[in-house]
Structures are given as C-alpha cells and as structure tokens.
Amino acid sequence: MFSKSIIWATIVAFLFFYLIPPLFYLGAEECLKEYIDSSKNISRDPYFFGILGIGVLLFSYAFVHIFQKWSNGIYSNKNGFLFGIWTTLFTIVSMSFIRYATTDFAEAQYYVLDSVYWLAMYTIGGVLIAFVFRKTS
C-alpha cells in the first residue's frame, strides 16, 4: 500500500498536478475568458491552498495506485501515456459533456480546450509516474 515506489510516484505526481495547472490557467486566462459567462463568477477568492493540496494529494495517490494496478508491473512510457488517455476519457471528457449539458457556465469551446489541456496533463503525468516506478522498483 505504501511502498517506496508508491510514495515517490505520489510525490512527483503531487508536485506536477499542484504546480502546473495554476500556471497554465493563469497564462490561458485571456484565451479562455471569451468562452466563459463572466456574469457568473464561480472561482473562490482567495483559494484555499491547503484544502487544494489535500485534494491534489489524494488525487495523486489514487492516480499512482490505479496506474500501478493497471500496468501489471510493466512501467513503460507507452503504458503511462495510455493510462493518461484513459483517465482523461473517464474523468475529464465525460464530465465535460455532463457539465456542458447541465450548467450554463461556459460555452462548448471552453470544455473542448479544457479537455485537451487535461489530456496533455494526464498523459504527461502518466509518463512521469511510469518513469518514477521504473527508477524506484
């Protein structure tokens, strides 16, 4: 449950998923702003970075643990990449369709751009943890 490989991969995934998304969204804010209904501000000001950290840590541990089970001990970059694609389809793309169909927060283009971004994030994250597993196993 808490092997050296799991701990190191969780730390790497946590740092990646905690630090990169805010930087991306800060940089892409102008591009994405045109697709969001600005009359509905849903972001929290200020962010609760401690609670965010707990959520990202739980996500990172689950991401790593599921990858370890899914890969059957074959920690190749290809497996990490494919795991990232399947994770994106399961979590982000499917939820983007559901959010678009049930909320009036943003236009369809926003959800498409967001899904492409998370596809890149999860595939890079999958390759990163595959690399860490190979080095620590």
C-alpha atoms as a PDB file:
ATOM      1  CA  MET A   1       0.000   0.000   0.000  1.00  0.00           C
ATOM      2  CA  PHE A   2       2.831   2.423   0.855  1.00  0.00           C
ATOM      3  CA  SER A   3       5.908   1.142  -0.929  1.00  0.00           C
ATOM      4  CA  LYS A   4       8.879   3.280  -1.872  1.00  0.00           C
ATOM      5  CA  SER A   5       7.657   3.346  -5.472  1.00  0.00           C
ATOM      6  CA  ILE A   6       4.161   4.482  -4.500  1.00  0.00           C
ATOM      7  CA  ILE A   7       5.453   7.218  -2.190  1.00  0.00           C
ATOM      8  CA  TRP A   8       7.929   8.654  -4.708  1.00  0.00           C
ATOM      9  CA  ALA A   9       5.487   8.479  -7.595  1.00  0.00           C
ATOM     10  CA  THR A  10       2.809  10.155  -5.449  1.00  0.00           C
ATOM     11  CA  ILE A  11       5.211  12.972  -4.528  1.00  0.00           C
ATOM     12  CA  VAL A  12       6.165  13.548  -8.174  1.00  0.00           C
ATOM     13  CA  ALA A  13       2.517  13.416  -9.302  1.00  0.00           C
ATOM     14  CA  PHE A  14       1.502  15.773  -6.481  1.00  0.00           C
ATOM     15  CA  LEU A  15       4.134  18.354  -7.406  1.00  0.00           C
ATOM     16  CA  PHE A  16       3.213  18.121 -11.075  1.00  0.00           C
ATOM     17  CA  PHE A  17      -0.577  18.323 -10.591  1.00  0.00           C
ATOM     18  CA  TYR A  18      -0.338  21.000  -7.858  1.00  0.00           C
ATOM     19  CA  LEU A  19       2.090  23.397  -9.543  1.00  0.00           C
ATOM     20  CA  ILE A  20       1.377  23.214 -13.290  1.00  0.00           C
ATOM     21  CA  PRO A  21      -2.436  23.755 -13.548  1.00  0.00           C
ATOM     22  CA  PRO A  22      -2.487  27.165 -11.790  1.00  0.00           C
ATOM     23  CA  LEU A  23       0.346  28.350 -14.022  1.00  0.00           C
ATOM     24  CA  PHE A  24      -1.470  27.154 -17.129  1.00  0.00           C
ATOM     25  CA  TYR A  25      -4.812  28.703 -16.189  1.00  0.00           C
ATOM     26  CA  LEU A  26      -3.112  31.961 -15.248  1.00  0.00           C
ATOM     27  CA  GLY A  27      -1.441  32.039 -18.667  1.00  0.00           C
ATOM     28  CA  ALA A  28      -4.525  30.893 -20.583  1.00  0.00           C
ATOM     29  CA  GLU A  29      -6.981  33.144 -18.764  1.00  0.00           C
ATOM     30  CA  GLU A  30      -7.261  35.616 -21.636  1.00  0.00           C
ATOM     31  CA  CYS A  31      -7.797  32.864 -24.206  1.00  0.00           C
ATOM     32  CA  LEU A  32     -10.436  31.060 -22.130  1.00  0.00           C
ATOM     33  CA  LYS A  33     -12.186  34.228 -20.901  1.00  0.00           C
ATOM     34  CA  GLU A  34     -14.145  34.673 -24.120  1.00  0.00           C
ATOM     35  CA  TYR A  35     -15.861  31.304 -23.639  1.00  0.00           C
ATOM     36  CA  ILE A  36     -16.935  31.867 -20.015  1.00  0.00           C
ATOM     37  CA  ASP A  37     -20.025  33.724 -18.892  1.00  0.00           C
ATOM     38  CA  SER A  38     -18.348  36.484 -16.882  1.00  0.00           C
ATOM     39  CA  SER A  39     -21.571  37.356 -15.062  1.00  0.00           C
ATOM     40  CA  LYS A  40     -21.232  34.073 -13.156  1.00  0.00           C
ATOM     41  CA  ASN A  41     -18.037  34.180 -11.126  1.00  0.00           C
ATOM     42  CA  ILE A  42     -17.604  30.702  -9.689  1.00  0.00           C
ATOM     43  CA  SER A  43     -13.972  30.914  -8.586  1.00  0.00           C
ATOM     44  CA  ARG A  44     -13.179  31.284  -4.920  1.00  0.00           C
ATOM     45  CA  ASP A  45     -11.254  34.336  -3.811  1.00  0.00           C
ATOM     46  CA  PRO A  46      -8.882  33.617  -2.171  1.00  0.00           C
ATOM     47  CA  TYR A  47      -8.164  29.985  -2.935  1.00  0.00           C
ATOM     48  CA  PHE A  48      -7.849  27.538  -0.061  1.00  0.00           C
ATOM     49  CA  PHE A  49      -4.411  26.222  -0.993  1.00  0.00           C
ATOM     50  CA  GLY A  50      -4.258  23.843   1.987  1.00  0.00           C
ATOM     51  CA  ILE A  51      -7.520  22.158   1.057  1.00  0.00           C
ATOM     52  CA  LEU A  52      -6.456  22.197  -2.591  1.00  0.00           C
ATOM     53  CA  GLY A  53      -3.221  20.466  -1.546  1.00  0.00           C
ATOM     54  CA  ILE A  54      -5.135  17.753   0.302  1.00  0.00           C
ATOM     55  CA  GLY A  55      -7.343  17.167  -2.747  1.00  0.00           C
ATOM     56  CA  VAL A  56      -4.394  17.030  -5.138  1.00  0.00           C
ATOM     57  CA  LEU A  57      -2.519  14.695  -2.783  1.00  0.00           C
ATOM     58  CA  LEU A  58      -5.493  12.307  -2.641  1.00  0.00           C
ATOM     59  CA  PHE A  59      -5.863  12.527  -6.418  1.00  0.00           C
ATOM     60  CA  SER A  60      -2.134  11.881  -6.913  1.00  0.00           C
ATOM     61  CA  TYR A  61      -2.154   8.849  -4.632  1.00  0.00           C
ATOM     62  CA  ALA A  62      -5.219   7.394  -6.391  1.00  0.00           C
ATOM     63  CA  PHE A  63      -3.734   8.146  -9.837  1.00  0.00           C
ATOM     64  CA  VAL A  64      -0.473   6.401  -8.909  1.00  0.00           C
ATOM     65  CA  HIS A  65      -2.129   3.459  -7.151  1.00  0.00           C
ATOM     66  CA  ILE A  66      -4.544   2.797 -10.024  1.00  0.00           C
ATOM     67  CA  PHE A  67      -1.696   3.091 -12.548  1.00  0.00           C
ATOM     68  CA  GLN A  68       0.327   0.527 -10.603  1.00  0.00           C
ATOM     69  CA  LYS A  69      -2.570  -1.950 -10.675  1.00  0.00           C
ATOM     70  CA  TRP A  70      -3.491  -1.157 -14.292  1.00  0.00           C
ATOM     71  CA  SER A  71       0.023  -1.542 -15.696  1.00  0.00           C
ATOM     72  CA  ASN A  72       0.595  -5.043 -14.248  1.00  0.00           C
ATOM     73  CA  GLY A  73       4.182  -4.174 -13.358  1.00  0.00           C
ATOM     74  CA  ILE A  74       5.103  -3.007 -16.867  1.00  0.00           C
ATOM     75  CA  TYR A  75       6.047   0.624 -16.276  1.00  0.00           C
ATOM     76  CA  SER A  76       6.732   1.698 -19.846  1.00  0.00           C
ATOM     77  CA  ASN A  77       6.213   5.198 -21.170  1.00  0.00           C
ATOM     78  CA  LYS A  78       3.587   3.760 -23.514  1.00  0.00           C
ATOM     79  CA  ASN A  79       1.606   2.369 -20.577  1.00  0.00           C
ATOM     80  CA  GLY A  80       1.870   5.706 -18.769  1.00  0.00           C
ATOM     81  CA  PHE A  81       0.707   7.537 -21.889  1.00  0.00           C
ATOM     82  CA  LEU A  82      -2.236   5.169 -22.462  1.00  0.00           C
ATOM     83  CA  PHE A  83      -3.191   5.370 -18.798  1.00  0.00           C
ATOM     84  CA  GLY A  84      -3.291   9.159 -19.091  1.00  0.00           C
ATOM     85  CA  ILE A  85      -5.546   8.939 -22.146  1.00  0.00           C
ATOM     86  CA  TRP A  86      -7.977   6.524 -20.476  1.00  0.00           C
ATOM     87  CA  THR A  87      -8.003   8.576 -17.280  1.00  0.00           C
ATOM     88  CA  THR A  88      -8.841  11.696 -19.285  1.00  0.00           C
ATOM     89  CA  LEU A  89     -11.664   9.952 -21.128  1.00  0.00           C
ATOM     90  CA  PHE A  90     -13.024   8.567 -17.880  1.00  0.00           C
ATOM     91  CA  THR A  91     -12.841  11.724 -15.800  1.00  0.00           C
ATOM     92  CA  ILE A  92     -12.483  14.904 -17.824  1.00  0.00           C
ATOM     93  CA  VAL A  93     -14.022  14.381 -21.252  1.00  0.00           C
ATOM     94  CA  SER A  94     -17.081  12.555 -19.962  1.00  0.00           C
ATOM     95  CA  MET A  95     -17.600  15.109 -17.169  1.00  0.00           C
ATOM     96  CA  SER A  96     -17.169  17.974 -19.634  1.00  0.00           C
ATOM     97  CA  PHE A  97     -20.110  16.659 -21.653  1.00  0.00           C
ATOM     98  CA  ILE A  98     -22.147  16.344 -18.466  1.00  0.00           C
ATOM     99  CA  ARG A  99     -21.198  19.839 -17.240  1.00  0.00           C
ATOM    100  CA  TYR A 100     -21.967  21.401 -20.607  1.00  0.00           C
ATOM    101  CA  ALA A 101     -25.347  19.685 -20.714  1.00  0.00           C
ATOM    102  CA  THR A 102     -26.310  20.649 -17.151  1.00  0.00           C
ATOM    103  CA  THR A 103     -24.743  24.055 -16.425  1.00  0.00           C
ATOM    104  CA  ASP A 104     -24.649  27.455 -18.032  1.00  0.00           C
ATOM    105  CA  PHE A 105     -21.098  28.311 -17.001  1.00  0.00           C
ATOM    106  CA  ALA A 106     -19.231  28.192 -20.283  1.00  0.00           C
ATOM    107  CA  GLU A 107     -19.542  27.568 -23.995  1.00  0.00           C
ATOM    108  CA  ALA A 108     -18.691  24.240 -25.609  1.00  0.00           C
ATOM    109  CA  GLN A 109     -15.338  25.555 -26.858  1.00  0.00           C
ATOM    110  CA  TYR A 110     -14.195  26.073 -23.267  1.00  0.00           C
ATOM    111  CA  TYR A 111     -14.871  22.435 -22.421  1.00  0.00           C
ATOM    112  CA  VAL A 112     -13.070  21.263 -25.567  1.00  0.00           C
ATOM    113  CA  LEU A 113      -9.987  23.364 -24.756  1.00  0.00           C
ATOM    114  CA  ASP A 114     -10.096  22.267 -21.130  1.00  0.00           C
ATOM    115  CA  SER A 115     -10.339  18.596 -22.155  1.00  0.00           C
ATOM    116  CA  VAL A 116      -7.359  18.940 -24.499  1.00  0.00           C
ATOM    117  CA  TYR A 117      -5.362  20.596 -21.710  1.00  0.00           C
ATOM    118  CA  TRP A 118      -6.177  17.821 -19.218  1.00  0.00           C
ATOM    119  CA  LEU A 119      -5.433  15.192 -21.846  1.00  0.00           C
ATOM    120  CA  ALA A 120      -1.925  16.640 -22.066  1.00  0.00           C
ATOM    121  CA  MET A 121      -1.651  16.871 -18.263  1.00  0.00           C
ATOM    122  CA  TYR A 122      -2.769  13.300 -17.603  1.00  0.00           C
ATOM    123  CA  THR A 123      -0.644  11.782 -20.348  1.00  0.00           C
ATOM    124  CA  ILE A 124       2.441  13.672 -19.147  1.00  0.00           C
ATOM    125  CA  GLY A 125       1.561  12.687 -15.566  1.00  0.00           C
ATOM    126  CA  GLY A 126       1.200   9.049 -16.623  1.00  0.00           C
ATOM    127  CA  VAL A 127       4.589   9.060 -18.329  1.00  0.00           C
ATOM    128  CA  LEU A 128       6.152  10.769 -15.283  1.00  0.00           C
ATOM    129  CA  ILE A 129       4.872   8.193 -12.832  1.00  0.00           C
ATOM    130  CA  ALA A 130       5.828   5.336 -15.161  1.00  0.00           C
ATOM    131  CA  PHE A 131       9.357   6.785 -15.172  1.00  0.00           C
ATOM    132  CA  VAL A 132       9.398   7.066 -11.376  1.00  0.00           C
ATOM    133  CA  PHE A 133       8.133   3.486 -10.989  1.00  0.00           C
ATOM    134  CA  ARG A 134      10.845   2.213 -13.322  1.00  0.00           C
ATOM    135  CA  LYS A 135      13.531   4.029 -11.328  1.00  0.00           C
ATOM    136  CA  THR A 136      12.258   3.070  -7.860  1.00  0.00           C
ATOM    137  CA  SER A 137      11.071  -0.514  -8.412  1.00  0.00           C
END
